Amino acid sequence: MIDMKKFLGQVSSEIYYGKDKRTTKYVSEKLVIKATRRGKYRKNGNVEIVLTIGRPNYIERKFIKCCKKAGEKFPIKKIQLKPYPKKGK
Protein backbone atom coordinates (compact mmCIF):
# COMPACT_ATOMS: atom_id res chain seq x y z
CA MET A 1 0.00 0.00 0.00
CA ILE A 2 1.34 3.43 -0.97
CA ASP A 3 1.38 6.11 1.75
CA MET A 4 0.51 9.17 -0.37
CA LYS A 5 0.43 11.60 2.59
CA LYS A 6 4.07 10.84 3.35
CA PHE A 7 5.17 11.39 -0.27
CA LEU A 8 3.13 14.60 -0.64
CA GLY A 9 4.65 15.94 2.55
CA GLN A 10 8.19 15.14 1.41
CA VAL A 11 7.75 16.79 -1.99
CA SER A 12 5.98 19.92 -0.77
CA SER A 13 8.30 20.56 2.19
CA GLU A 14 11.37 20.10 -0.01
CA ILE A 15 10.20 22.77 -2.46
CA TYR A 16 8.90 25.12 0.24
CA TYR A 17 12.14 25.28 2.19
CA GLY A 18 14.54 24.92 -0.75
CA LYS A 19 15.33 27.26 -3.63
CA ASP A 20 14.49 24.85 -6.46
CA LYS A 21 11.80 25.20 -9.13
CA ARG A 22 10.57 21.58 -9.26
CA THR A 23 10.82 18.47 -7.11
CA THR A 24 9.90 15.00 -8.32
CA LYS A 25 9.26 11.82 -6.31
CA TYR A 26 9.19 8.53 -8.22
CA VAL A 27 6.68 6.32 -6.41
CA SER A 28 6.46 3.54 -9.00
CA GLU A 29 7.09 2.98 -12.69
CA LYS A 30 3.66 4.40 -13.51
CA LEU A 31 3.22 7.02 -10.74
CA VAL A 32 5.12 10.26 -10.18
CA ILE A 33 4.47 13.10 -7.72
CA LYS A 34 5.74 16.55 -8.73
CA ALA A 35 5.66 19.89 -6.93
CA THR A 36 6.36 23.03 -8.96
CA ARG A 37 6.92 26.48 -7.53
CA ARG A 38 5.15 29.21 -9.49
CA GLY A 39 6.96 32.51 -9.47
CA LYS A 40 10.04 33.45 -7.52
CA TYR A 41 10.43 33.24 -3.76
CA ARG A 42 8.83 36.26 -2.11
CA LYS A 43 10.08 38.02 1.01
CA ASN A 44 6.68 37.91 2.72
CA GLY A 45 6.79 34.09 2.76
CA ASN A 46 3.97 33.38 0.31
CA VAL A 47 4.82 30.55 -2.05
CA GLU A 48 2.48 29.20 -4.72
CA ILE A 49 2.99 25.45 -5.26
CA VAL A 50 1.34 23.27 -7.90
CA LEU A 51 1.14 19.54 -7.05
CA THR A 52 0.89 17.05 -9.92
CA ILE A 53 0.16 13.36 -9.38
CA GLY A 54 0.08 11.03 -12.36
CA ARG A 55 1.99 9.32 -15.12
CA PRO A 56 5.60 10.28 -15.87
CA ASN A 57 6.44 12.40 -18.90
CA TYR A 58 9.00 11.49 -21.58
CA ILE A 59 12.12 12.61 -19.69
CA GLU A 60 10.93 10.96 -16.48
CA ARG A 61 10.27 7.68 -18.32
CA LYS A 62 13.87 7.75 -19.59
CA PHE A 63 15.08 8.31 -16.00
CA ILE A 64 12.94 5.41 -14.75
CA LYS A 65 14.39 3.16 -17.44
CA CYS A 66 17.94 4.07 -16.32
CA CYS A 67 17.03 3.43 -12.67
CA LYS A 68 15.62 0.00 -13.48
CA LYS A 69 18.76 -0.81 -15.46
CA ALA A 70 20.89 0.21 -12.45
CA GLY A 71 18.81 -1.98 -10.12
CA GLU A 72 17.03 0.72 -8.09
CA LYS A 73 13.94 -0.32 -6.13
CA PHE A 74 10.71 1.68 -6.18
CA PRO A 75 9.80 4.04 -4.57
CA ILE A 76 13.13 5.76 -5.19
CA LYS A 77 14.28 7.20 -1.87
CA LYS A 78 15.84 10.44 -3.09
CA ILE A 79 13.75 13.30 -4.44
CA GLN A 80 14.90 14.71 -7.77
CA LEU A 81 15.43 18.50 -7.69
CA LYS A 82 15.38 20.82 -10.69
CA PRO A 83 16.73 24.36 -10.10
CA TYR A 84 15.62 27.56 -11.79
CA PRO A 85 17.30 28.10 -15.17
CA LYS A 86 20.27 30.45 -15.16
CA LYS A 87 19.84 33.87 -16.73
CA GLY A 88 21.65 34.48 -19.98
CA LYS A 89 23.47 37.66 -20.85
PDB file of N, CA and C in Angstrom:
ATOM      1  N   MET A   1       0.838  -1.185   0.000  1.00  0.00           N
ATOM      2  CA  MET A   1       0.000   0.000   0.000  1.00  0.00           C
ATOM      3  C   MET A   1       0.883   1.250   0.000  1.00  0.00           C
ATOM      4  N   ILE A   2       0.563   2.202  -0.828  1.00  0.00           N
ATOM      5  CA  ILE A   2       1.338   3.428  -0.970  1.00  0.00           C
ATOM      6  C   ILE A   2       0.819   4.475   0.018  1.00  0.00           C
ATOM      7  N   ASP A   3       1.734   5.063   0.794  1.00  0.00           N
ATOM      8  CA  ASP A   3       1.379   6.106   1.746  1.00  0.00           C
ATOM      9  C   ASP A   3       1.539   7.460   1.057  1.00  0.00           C
ATOM     10  N   MET A   4       0.458   7.941   0.429  1.00  0.00           N
ATOM     11  CA  MET A   4       0.507   9.169  -0.368  1.00  0.00           C
ATOM     12  C   MET A   4       0.765  10.400   0.495  1.00  0.00           C
ATOM     13  N   LYS A   5       0.239  10.436   1.724  1.00  0.00           N
ATOM     14  CA  LYS A   5       0.434  11.600   2.586  1.00  0.00           C
ATOM     15  C   LYS A   5       1.914  11.825   2.860  1.00  0.00           C
ATOM     16  N   LYS A   6       2.636  10.745   3.075  1.00  0.00           N
ATOM     17  CA  LYS A   6       4.066  10.836   3.347  1.00  0.00           C
ATOM     18  C   LYS A   6       4.809  11.415   2.148  1.00  0.00           C
ATOM     19  N   PHE A   7       4.494  10.921   0.942  1.00  0.00           N
ATOM     20  CA  PHE A   7       5.170  11.387  -0.267  1.00  0.00           C
ATOM     21  C   PHE A   7       4.810  12.840  -0.580  1.00  0.00           C
ATOM     22  N   LEU A   8       3.538  13.211  -0.404  1.00  0.00           N
ATOM     23  CA  LEU A   8       3.128  14.596  -0.641  1.00  0.00           C
ATOM     24  C   LEU A   8       3.828  15.540   0.332  1.00  0.00           C
ATOM     25  N   GLY A   9       3.958  15.125   1.564  1.00  0.00           N
ATOM     26  CA  GLY A   9       4.652  15.940   2.554  1.00  0.00           C
ATOM     27  C   GLY A   9       6.127  16.121   2.227  1.00  0.00           C
ATOM     28  N   GLN A  10       6.776  15.055   1.766  1.00  0.00           N
ATOM     29  CA  GLN A  10       8.188  15.136   1.405  1.00  0.00           C
ATOM     30  C   GLN A  10       8.401  16.106   0.254  1.00  0.00           C
ATOM     31  N   VAL A  11       7.582  15.975  -0.787  1.00  0.00           N
ATOM     32  CA  VAL A  11       7.755  16.786  -1.993  1.00  0.00           C
ATOM     33  C   VAL A  11       7.454  18.247  -1.704  1.00  0.00           C
ATOM     34  N   SER A  12       6.362  18.524  -1.007  1.00  0.00           N
ATOM     35  CA  SER A  12       5.983  19.917  -0.772  1.00  0.00           C
ATOM     36  C   SER A  12       6.926  20.611   0.211  1.00  0.00           C
ATOM     37  N   SER A  13       7.381  19.919   1.244  1.00  0.00           N
ATOM     38  CA  SER A  13       8.301  20.557   2.188  1.00  0.00           C
ATOM     39  C   SER A  13       9.657  20.811   1.541  1.00  0.00           C
ATOM     40  N   GLU A  14      10.089  19.925   0.667  1.00  0.00           N
ATOM     41  CA  GLU A  14      11.370  20.100  -0.013  1.00  0.00           C
ATOM     42  C   GLU A  14      11.359  21.346  -0.894  1.00  0.00           C
ATOM     43  N   ILE A  15      10.251  21.595  -1.575  1.00  0.00           N
ATOM     44  CA  ILE A  15      10.198  22.766  -2.457  1.00  0.00           C
ATOM     45  C   ILE A  15       9.922  24.037  -1.665  1.00  0.00           C
ATOM     46  N   TYR A  16       9.213  23.934  -0.548  1.00  0.00           N
ATOM     47  CA  TYR A  16       8.902  25.123   0.242  1.00  0.00           C
ATOM     48  C   TYR A  16      10.150  25.688   0.913  1.00  0.00           C
ATOM     49  N   TYR A  17      10.967  24.823   1.475  1.00  0.00           N
ATOM     50  CA  TYR A  17      12.144  25.281   2.194  1.00  0.00           C
ATOM     51  C   TYR A  17      13.373  25.431   1.314  1.00  0.00           C
ATOM     52  N   GLY A  18      13.398  24.822   0.142  1.00  0.00           N
ATOM     53  CA  GLY A  18      14.542  24.921  -0.751  1.00  0.00           C
ATOM     54  C   GLY A  18      14.391  26.068  -1.734  1.00  0.00           C
ATOM     55  N   LYS A  19      15.345  26.196  -2.630  1.00  0.00           N
ATOM     56  CA  LYS A  19      15.332  27.256  -3.634  1.00  0.00           C
ATOM     57  C   LYS A  19      15.186  26.682  -5.047  1.00  0.00           C
ATOM     58  N   ASP A  20      14.617  25.498  -5.161  1.00  0.00           N
ATOM     59  CA  ASP A  20      14.486  24.848  -6.457  1.00  0.00           C
ATOM     60  C   ASP A  20      13.127  25.142  -7.085  1.00  0.00           C
ATOM     61  N   LYS A  21      13.041  24.941  -8.401  1.00  0.00           N
ATOM     62  CA  LYS A  21      11.804  25.197  -9.130  1.00  0.00           C
ATOM     63  C   LYS A  21      10.867  23.997  -9.077  1.00  0.00           C
ATOM     64  N   ARG A  22      11.418  22.775  -9.196  1.00  0.00           N
ATOM     65  CA  ARG A  22      10.571  21.584  -9.257  1.00  0.00           C
ATOM     66  C   ARG A  22      11.211  20.447  -8.476  1.00  0.00           C
ATOM     67  N   THR A  23      10.381  19.688  -7.775  1.00  0.00           N
ATOM     68  CA  THR A  23      10.825  18.470  -7.109  1.00  0.00           C
ATOM     69  C   THR A  23       9.976  17.317  -7.615  1.00  0.00           C
ATOM     70  N   THR A  24      10.596  16.160  -7.787  1.00  0.00           N
ATOM     71  CA  THR A  24       9.900  14.995  -8.323  1.00  0.00           C
ATOM     72  C   THR A  24      10.190  13.785  -7.448  1.00  0.00           C
ATOM     73  N   LYS A  25       9.142  13.069  -7.080  1.00  0.00           N
ATOM     74  CA  LYS A  25       9.264  11.823  -6.314  1.00  0.00           C
ATOM     75  C   LYS A  25       8.744  10.689  -7.191  1.00  0.00           C
ATOM     76  N   TYR A  26       9.563   9.678  -7.414  1.00  0.00           N
ATOM     77  CA  TYR A  26       9.195   8.527  -8.224  1.00  0.00           C
ATOM     78  C   TYR A  26       8.652   7.443  -7.299  1.00  0.00           C
ATOM     79  N   VAL A  27       7.330   7.272  -7.294  1.00  0.00           N
ATOM     80  CA  VAL A  27       6.680   6.323  -6.413  1.00  0.00           C
ATOM     81  C   VAL A  27       6.723   4.925  -7.024  1.00  0.00           C
ATOM     82  N   SER A  28       6.393   4.814  -8.293  1.00  0.00           N
ATOM     83  CA  SER A  28       6.461   3.541  -9.002  1.00  0.00           C
ATOM     84  C   SER A  28       6.782   3.839 -10.460  1.00  0.00           C
ATOM     85  N   GLU A  29       6.795   2.794 -11.271  1.00  0.00           N
ATOM     86  CA  GLU A  29       7.087   2.985 -12.694  1.00  0.00           C
ATOM     87  C   GLU A  29       5.996   3.778 -13.396  1.00  0.00           C
ATOM     88  N   LYS A  30       4.804   3.748 -12.871  1.00  0.00           N
ATOM     89  CA  LYS A  30       3.663   4.402 -13.506  1.00  0.00           C
ATOM     90  C   LYS A  30       3.127   5.593 -12.723  1.00  0.00           C
ATOM     91  N   LEU A  31       3.732   5.936 -11.572  1.00  0.00           N
ATOM     92  CA  LEU A  31       3.217   7.016 -10.740  1.00  0.00           C
ATOM     93  C   LEU A  31       4.349   7.930 -10.290  1.00  0.00           C
ATOM     94  N   VAL A  32       4.148   9.239 -10.538  1.00  0.00           N
ATOM     95  CA  VAL A  32       5.124  10.257 -10.176  1.00  0.00           C
ATOM     96  C   VAL A  32       4.391  11.388  -9.460  1.00  0.00           C
ATOM     97  N   ILE A  33       5.022  11.945  -8.423  1.00  0.00           N
ATOM     98  CA  ILE A  33       4.470  13.100  -7.724  1.00  0.00           C
ATOM     99  C   ILE A  33       5.434  14.262  -7.921  1.00  0.00           C
ATOM    100  N   LYS A  34       4.911  15.377  -8.458  1.00  0.00           N
ATOM    101  CA  LYS A  34       5.735  16.553  -8.729  1.00  0.00           C
ATOM    102  C   LYS A  34       5.159  17.760  -7.999  1.00  0.00           C
ATOM    103  N   ALA A  35       6.050  18.610  -7.501  1.00  0.00           N
ATOM    104  CA  ALA A  35       5.660  19.895  -6.934  1.00  0.00           C
ATOM    105  C   ALA A  35       6.449  20.963  -7.668  1.00  0.00           C
ATOM    106  N   THR A  36       5.742  21.965  -8.201  1.00  0.00           N
ATOM    107  CA  THR A  36       6.365  23.029  -8.961  1.00  0.00           C
ATOM    108  C   THR A  36       6.056  24.365  -8.303  1.00  0.00           C
ATOM    109  N   ARG A  37       7.097  25.151  -8.105  1.00  0.00           N
ATOM    110  CA  ARG A  37       6.920  26.484  -7.530  1.00  0.00           C
ATOM    111  C   ARG A  37       6.601  27.453  -8.657  1.00  0.00           C
ATOM    112  N   ARG A  38       5.539  28.215  -8.486  1.00  0.00           N
ATOM    113  CA  ARG A  38       5.149  29.208  -9.488  1.00  0.00           C
ATOM    114  C   ARG A  38       5.617  30.566  -9.018  1.00  0.00           C
ATOM    115  N   GLY A  39       6.419  31.210  -9.843  1.00  0.00           N
ATOM    116  CA  GLY A  39       6.964  32.510  -9.471  1.00  0.00           C
ATOM    117  C   GLY A  39       8.188  32.361  -8.602  1.00  0.00           C
ATOM    118  N   LYS A  40       8.839  33.447  -8.359  1.00  0.00           N
ATOM    119  CA  LYS A  40      10.036  33.452  -7.519  1.00  0.00           C
ATOM    120  C   LYS A  40       9.662  33.477  -6.045  1.00  0.00           C
ATOM    121  N   TYR A  41      10.632  33.205  -5.205  1.00  0.00           N
ATOM    122  CA  TYR A  41      10.433  33.236  -3.758  1.00  0.00           C
ATOM    123  C   TYR A  41      10.197  34.684  -3.325  1.00  0.00           C
ATOM    124  N   ARG A  42       9.167  34.914  -2.553  1.00  0.00           N
ATOM    125  CA  ARG A  42       8.826  36.261  -2.105  1.00  0.00           C
ATOM    126  C   ARG A  42       9.269  36.467  -0.663  1.00  0.00           C
ATOM    127  N   LYS A  43       9.581  37.712  -0.327  1.00  0.00           N
ATOM    128  CA  LYS A  43      10.075  38.018   1.008  1.00  0.00           C
ATOM    129  C   LYS A  43       9.009  37.858   2.082  1.00  0.00           C
ATOM    130  N   ASN A  44       7.728  38.020   1.707  1.00  0.00           N
ATOM    131  CA  ASN A  44       6.683  37.908   2.718  1.00  0.00           C
ATOM    132  C   ASN A  44       6.348  36.457   3.070  1.00  0.00           C
ATOM    133  N   GLY A  45       6.962  35.494   2.406  1.00  0.00           N
ATOM    134  CA  GLY A  45       6.786  34.088   2.760  1.00  0.00           C
ATOM    135  C   GLY A  45       5.725  33.354   1.973  1.00  0.00           C
ATOM    136  N   ASN A  46       4.977  34.056   1.115  1.00  0.00           N
ATOM    137  CA  ASN A  46       3.965  33.379   0.311  1.00  0.00           C
ATOM    138  C   ASN A  46       4.611  32.640  -0.850  1.00  0.00           C
ATOM    139  N   VAL A  47       4.287  31.377  -0.970  1.00  0.00           N
ATOM    140  CA  VAL A  47       4.818  30.547  -2.049  1.00  0.00           C
ATOM    141  C   VAL A  47       3.642  29.818  -2.689  1.00  0.00           C
ATOM    142  N   GLU A  48       3.538  29.904  -4.005  1.00  0.00           N
ATOM    143  CA  GLU A  48       2.478  29.201  -4.722  1.00  0.00           C
ATOM    144  C   GLU A  48       3.064  27.906  -5.275  1.00  0.00           C
ATOM    145  N   ILE A  49       2.483  26.768  -4.872  1.00  0.00           N
ATOM    146  CA  ILE A  49       2.986  25.452  -5.260  1.00  0.00           C
ATOM    147  C   ILE A  49       1.888  24.701  -5.995  1.00  0.00           C
ATOM    148  N   VAL A  50       2.256  24.091  -7.139  1.00  0.00           N
ATOM    149  CA  VAL A  50       1.337  23.268  -7.905  1.00  0.00           C
ATOM    150  C   VAL A  50       1.762  21.811  -7.738  1.00  0.00           C
ATOM    151  N   LEU A  51       0.861  20.972  -7.215  1.00  0.00           N
ATOM    152  CA  LEU A  51       1.137  19.540  -7.054  1.00  0.00           C
ATOM    153  C   LEU A  51       0.550  18.775  -8.234  1.00  0.00           C
ATOM    154  N   THR A  52       1.328  17.871  -8.809  1.00  0.00           N
ATOM    155  CA  THR A  52       0.886  17.046  -9.920  1.00  0.00           C
ATOM    156  C   THR A  52       1.119  15.589  -9.554  1.00  0.00           C
ATOM    157  N   ILE A  53       0.069  14.787  -9.654  1.00  0.00           N
ATOM    158  CA  ILE A  53       0.157  13.358  -9.378  1.00  0.00           C
ATOM    159  C   ILE A  53      -0.320  12.629 -10.614  1.00  0.00           C
ATOM    160  N   GLY A  54       0.514  11.742 -11.166  1.00  0.00           N
ATOM    161  CA  GLY A  54       0.083  11.032 -12.360  1.00  0.00           C
ATOM    162  C   GLY A  54       1.211  10.290 -13.035  1.00  0.00           C
ATOM    163  N   ARG A  55       1.012  10.070 -14.335  1.00  0.00           N
ATOM    164  CA  ARG A  55       1.987   9.321 -15.116  1.00  0.00           C
ATOM    165  C   ARG A  55       3.220  10.166 -15.411  1.00  0.00           C
ATOM    166  N   PRO A  56       4.380   9.531 -15.561  1.00  0.00           N
ATOM    167  CA  PRO A  56       5.601  10.275 -15.870  1.00  0.00           C
ATOM    168  C   PRO A  56       5.612  10.762 -17.317  1.00  0.00           C
ATOM    169  N   ASN A  57       6.289  11.900 -17.545  1.00  0.00           N
ATOM    170  CA  ASN A  57       6.437  12.405 -18.897  1.00  0.00           C
ATOM    171  C   ASN A  57       7.625  11.709 -19.579  1.00  0.00           C
ATOM    172  N   TYR A  58       7.982  12.171 -20.773  1.00  0.00           N
ATOM    173  CA  TYR A  58       8.997  11.495 -21.579  1.00  0.00           C
ATOM    174  C   TYR A  58      10.352  11.443 -20.875  1.00  0.00           C
ATOM    175  N   ILE A  59      10.808  12.565 -20.340  1.00  0.00           N
ATOM    176  CA  ILE A  59      12.119  12.614 -19.688  1.00  0.00           C
ATOM    177  C   ILE A  59      12.123  11.755 -18.431  1.00  0.00           C
ATOM    178  N   GLU A  60      11.030  11.777 -17.691  1.00  0.00           N
ATOM    179  CA  GLU A  60      10.933  10.965 -16.476  1.00  0.00           C
ATOM    180  C   GLU A  60      10.899   9.478 -16.794  1.00  0.00           C
ATOM    181  N   ARG A  61      10.270   9.097 -17.914  1.00  0.00           N
ATOM    182  CA  ARG A  61      10.271   7.684 -18.316  1.00  0.00           C
ATOM    183  C   ARG A  61      11.684   7.218 -18.652  1.00  0.00           C
ATOM    184  N   LYS A  62      12.485   8.093 -19.292  1.00  0.00           N
ATOM    185  CA  LYS A  62      13.871   7.745 -19.586  1.00  0.00           C
ATOM    186  C   LYS A  62      14.666   7.561 -18.289  1.00  0.00           C
ATOM    187  N   PHE A  63      14.410   8.421 -17.297  1.00  0.00           N
ATOM    188  CA  PHE A  63      15.083   8.311 -16.001  1.00  0.00           C
ATOM    189  C   PHE A  63      14.697   7.015 -15.297  1.00  0.00           C
ATOM    190  N   ILE A  64      13.415   6.656 -15.364  1.00  0.00           N
ATOM    191  CA  ILE A  64      12.942   5.412 -14.745  1.00  0.00           C
ATOM    192  C   ILE A  64      13.601   4.206 -15.403  1.00  0.00           C
ATOM    193  N   LYS A  65      13.745   4.251 -16.719  1.00  0.00           N
ATOM    194  CA  LYS A  65      14.393   3.155 -17.440  1.00  0.00           C
ATOM    195  C   LYS A  65      15.849   2.999 -16.992  1.00  0.00           C
ATOM    196  N   CYS A  66      16.551   4.124 -16.804  1.00  0.00           N
ATOM    197  CA  CYS A  66      17.941   4.075 -16.324  1.00  0.00           C
ATOM    198  C   CYS A  66      18.019   3.535 -14.897  1.00  0.00           C
ATOM    199  N   CYS A  67      17.054   3.917 -14.056  1.00  0.00           N
ATOM    200  CA  CYS A  67      17.033   3.434 -12.670  1.00  0.00           C
ATOM    201  C   CYS A  67      16.799   1.929 -12.616  1.00  0.00           C
ATOM    202  N   LYS A  68      15.879   1.444 -13.447  1.00  0.00           N
ATOM    203  CA  LYS A  68      15.620   0.000 -13.484  1.00  0.00           C
ATOM    204  C   LYS A  68      16.845  -0.756 -13.959  1.00  0.00           C
ATOM    205  N   LYS A  69      17.556  -0.182 -14.931  1.00  0.00           N
ATOM    206  CA  LYS A  69      18.763  -0.813 -15.460  1.00  0.00           C
ATOM    207  C   LYS A  69      19.852  -0.873 -14.389  1.00  0.00           C
ATOM    208  N   ALA A  70      19.904   0.160 -13.524  1.00  0.00           N
ATOM    209  CA  ALA A  70      20.894   0.206 -12.447  1.00  0.00           C
ATOM    210  C   ALA A  70      20.498  -0.644 -11.253  1.00  0.00           C
ATOM    211  N   GLY A  71      19.243  -1.114 -11.204  1.00  0.00           N
ATOM    212  CA  GLY A  71      18.806  -1.984 -10.123  1.00  0.00           C
ATOM    213  C   GLY A  71      18.161  -1.256  -8.952  1.00  0.00           C
ATOM    214  N   GLU A  72      17.709  -0.032  -9.156  1.00  0.00           N
ATOM    215  CA  GLU A  72      17.025   0.722  -8.093  1.00  0.00           C
ATOM    216  C   GLU A  72      15.660   0.121  -7.809  1.00  0.00           C
ATOM    217  N   LYS A  73      15.266   0.164  -6.552  1.00  0.00           N
ATOM    218  CA  LYS A  73      13.939  -0.316  -6.134  1.00  0.00           C
ATOM    219  C   LYS A  73      12.994   0.876  -6.032  1.00  0.00           C
ATOM    220  N   PHE A  74      11.721   0.627  -6.291  1.00  0.00           N
ATOM    221  CA  PHE A  74      10.709   1.682  -6.181  1.00  0.00           C
ATOM    222  C   PHE A  74       9.975   1.540  -4.861  1.00  0.00           C
ATOM    223  N   PRO A  75       9.605   2.634  -4.212  1.00  0.00           N
ATOM    224  CA  PRO A  75       9.800   4.037  -4.573  1.00  0.00           C
ATOM    225  C   PRO A  75      11.264   4.439  -4.384  1.00  0.00           C
ATOM    226  N   ILE A  76      11.754   5.283  -5.274  1.00  0.00           N
ATOM    227  CA  ILE A  76      13.131   5.762  -5.189  1.00  0.00           C
ATOM    228  C   ILE A  76      13.219   6.713  -3.998  1.00  0.00           C
ATOM    229  N   LYS A  77      14.205   6.489  -3.142  1.00  0.00           N
ATOM    230  CA  LYS A  77      14.277   7.202  -1.867  1.00  0.00           C
ATOM    231  C   LYS A  77      14.573   8.691  -2.023  1.00  0.00           C
ATOM    232  N   LYS A  78      15.457   9.041  -2.942  1.00  0.00           N
ATOM    233  CA  LYS A  78      15.837  10.444  -3.092  1.00  0.00           C
ATOM    234  C   LYS A  78      14.834  11.178  -3.974  1.00  0.00           C
ATOM    235  N   ILE A  79      14.624  12.437  -3.655  1.00  0.00           N
ATOM    236  CA  ILE A  79      13.752  13.298  -4.441  1.00  0.00           C
ATOM    237  C   ILE A  79      14.617  14.029  -5.461  1.00  0.00           C
ATOM    238  N   GLN A  80      14.160  14.051  -6.703  1.00  0.00           N
ATOM    239  CA  GLN A  80      14.901  14.712  -7.767  1.00  0.00           C
ATOM    240  C   GLN A  80      14.567  16.202  -7.754  1.00  0.00           C
ATOM    241  N   LEU A  81      15.600  17.049  -7.735  1.00  0.00           N
ATOM    242  CA  LEU A  81      15.431  18.499  -7.687  1.00  0.00           C
ATOM    243  C   LEU A  81      15.826  19.115  -9.016  1.00  0.00           C
ATOM    244  N   LYS A  82      15.057  20.097  -9.469  1.00  0.00           N
ATOM    245  CA  LYS A  82      15.383  20.822 -10.692  1.00  0.00           C
ATOM    246  C   LYS A  82      15.429  22.308 -10.348  1.00  0.00           C
ATOM    247  N   PRO A  83      16.604  22.945 -10.475  1.00  0.00           N
ATOM    248  CA  PRO A  83      16.730  24.357 -10.102  1.00  0.00           C
ATOM    249  C   PRO A  83      16.131  25.276 -11.164  1.00  0.00           C
ATOM    250  N   TYR A  84      16.032  26.553 -10.814  1.00  0.00           N
ATOM    251  CA  TYR A  84      15.618  27.555 -11.789  1.00  0.00           C
ATOM    252  C   TYR A  84      16.688  27.659 -12.878  1.00  0.00           C
ATOM    253  N   PRO A  85      16.298  27.933 -14.130  1.00  0.00           N
ATOM    254  CA  PRO A  85      17.304  28.102 -15.174  1.00  0.00           C
ATOM    255  C   PRO A  85      18.135  29.361 -14.926  1.00  0.00           C
ATOM    256  N   LYS A  86      19.394  29.308 -15.339  1.00  0.00           N
ATOM    257  CA  LYS A  86      20.271  30.454 -15.157  1.00  0.00           C
ATOM    258  C   LYS A  86      19.972  31.508 -16.208  1.00  0.00           C
ATOM    259  N   LYS A  87      20.107  32.773 -15.812  1.00  0.00           N
ATOM    260  CA  LYS A  87      19.839  33.869 -16.725  1.00  0.00           C
ATOM    261  C   LYS A  87      20.990  34.000 -17.723  1.00  0.00           C
ATOM    262  N   GLY A  88      20.634  34.242 -18.967  1.00  0.00           N
ATOM    263  CA  GLY A  88      21.648  34.482 -19.984  1.00  0.00           C
ATOM    264  C   GLY A  88      21.971  35.954 -20.075  1.00  0.00           C
ATOM    265  N   LYS A  89      23.079  36.253 -20.713  1.00  0.00           N
ATOM    266  CA  LYS A  89      23.475  37.663 -20.850  1.00  0.00           C
ATOM    267  C   LYS A  89      23.075  38.215 -22.177  1.00  0.00           C
TER     268      LYS A  89
END
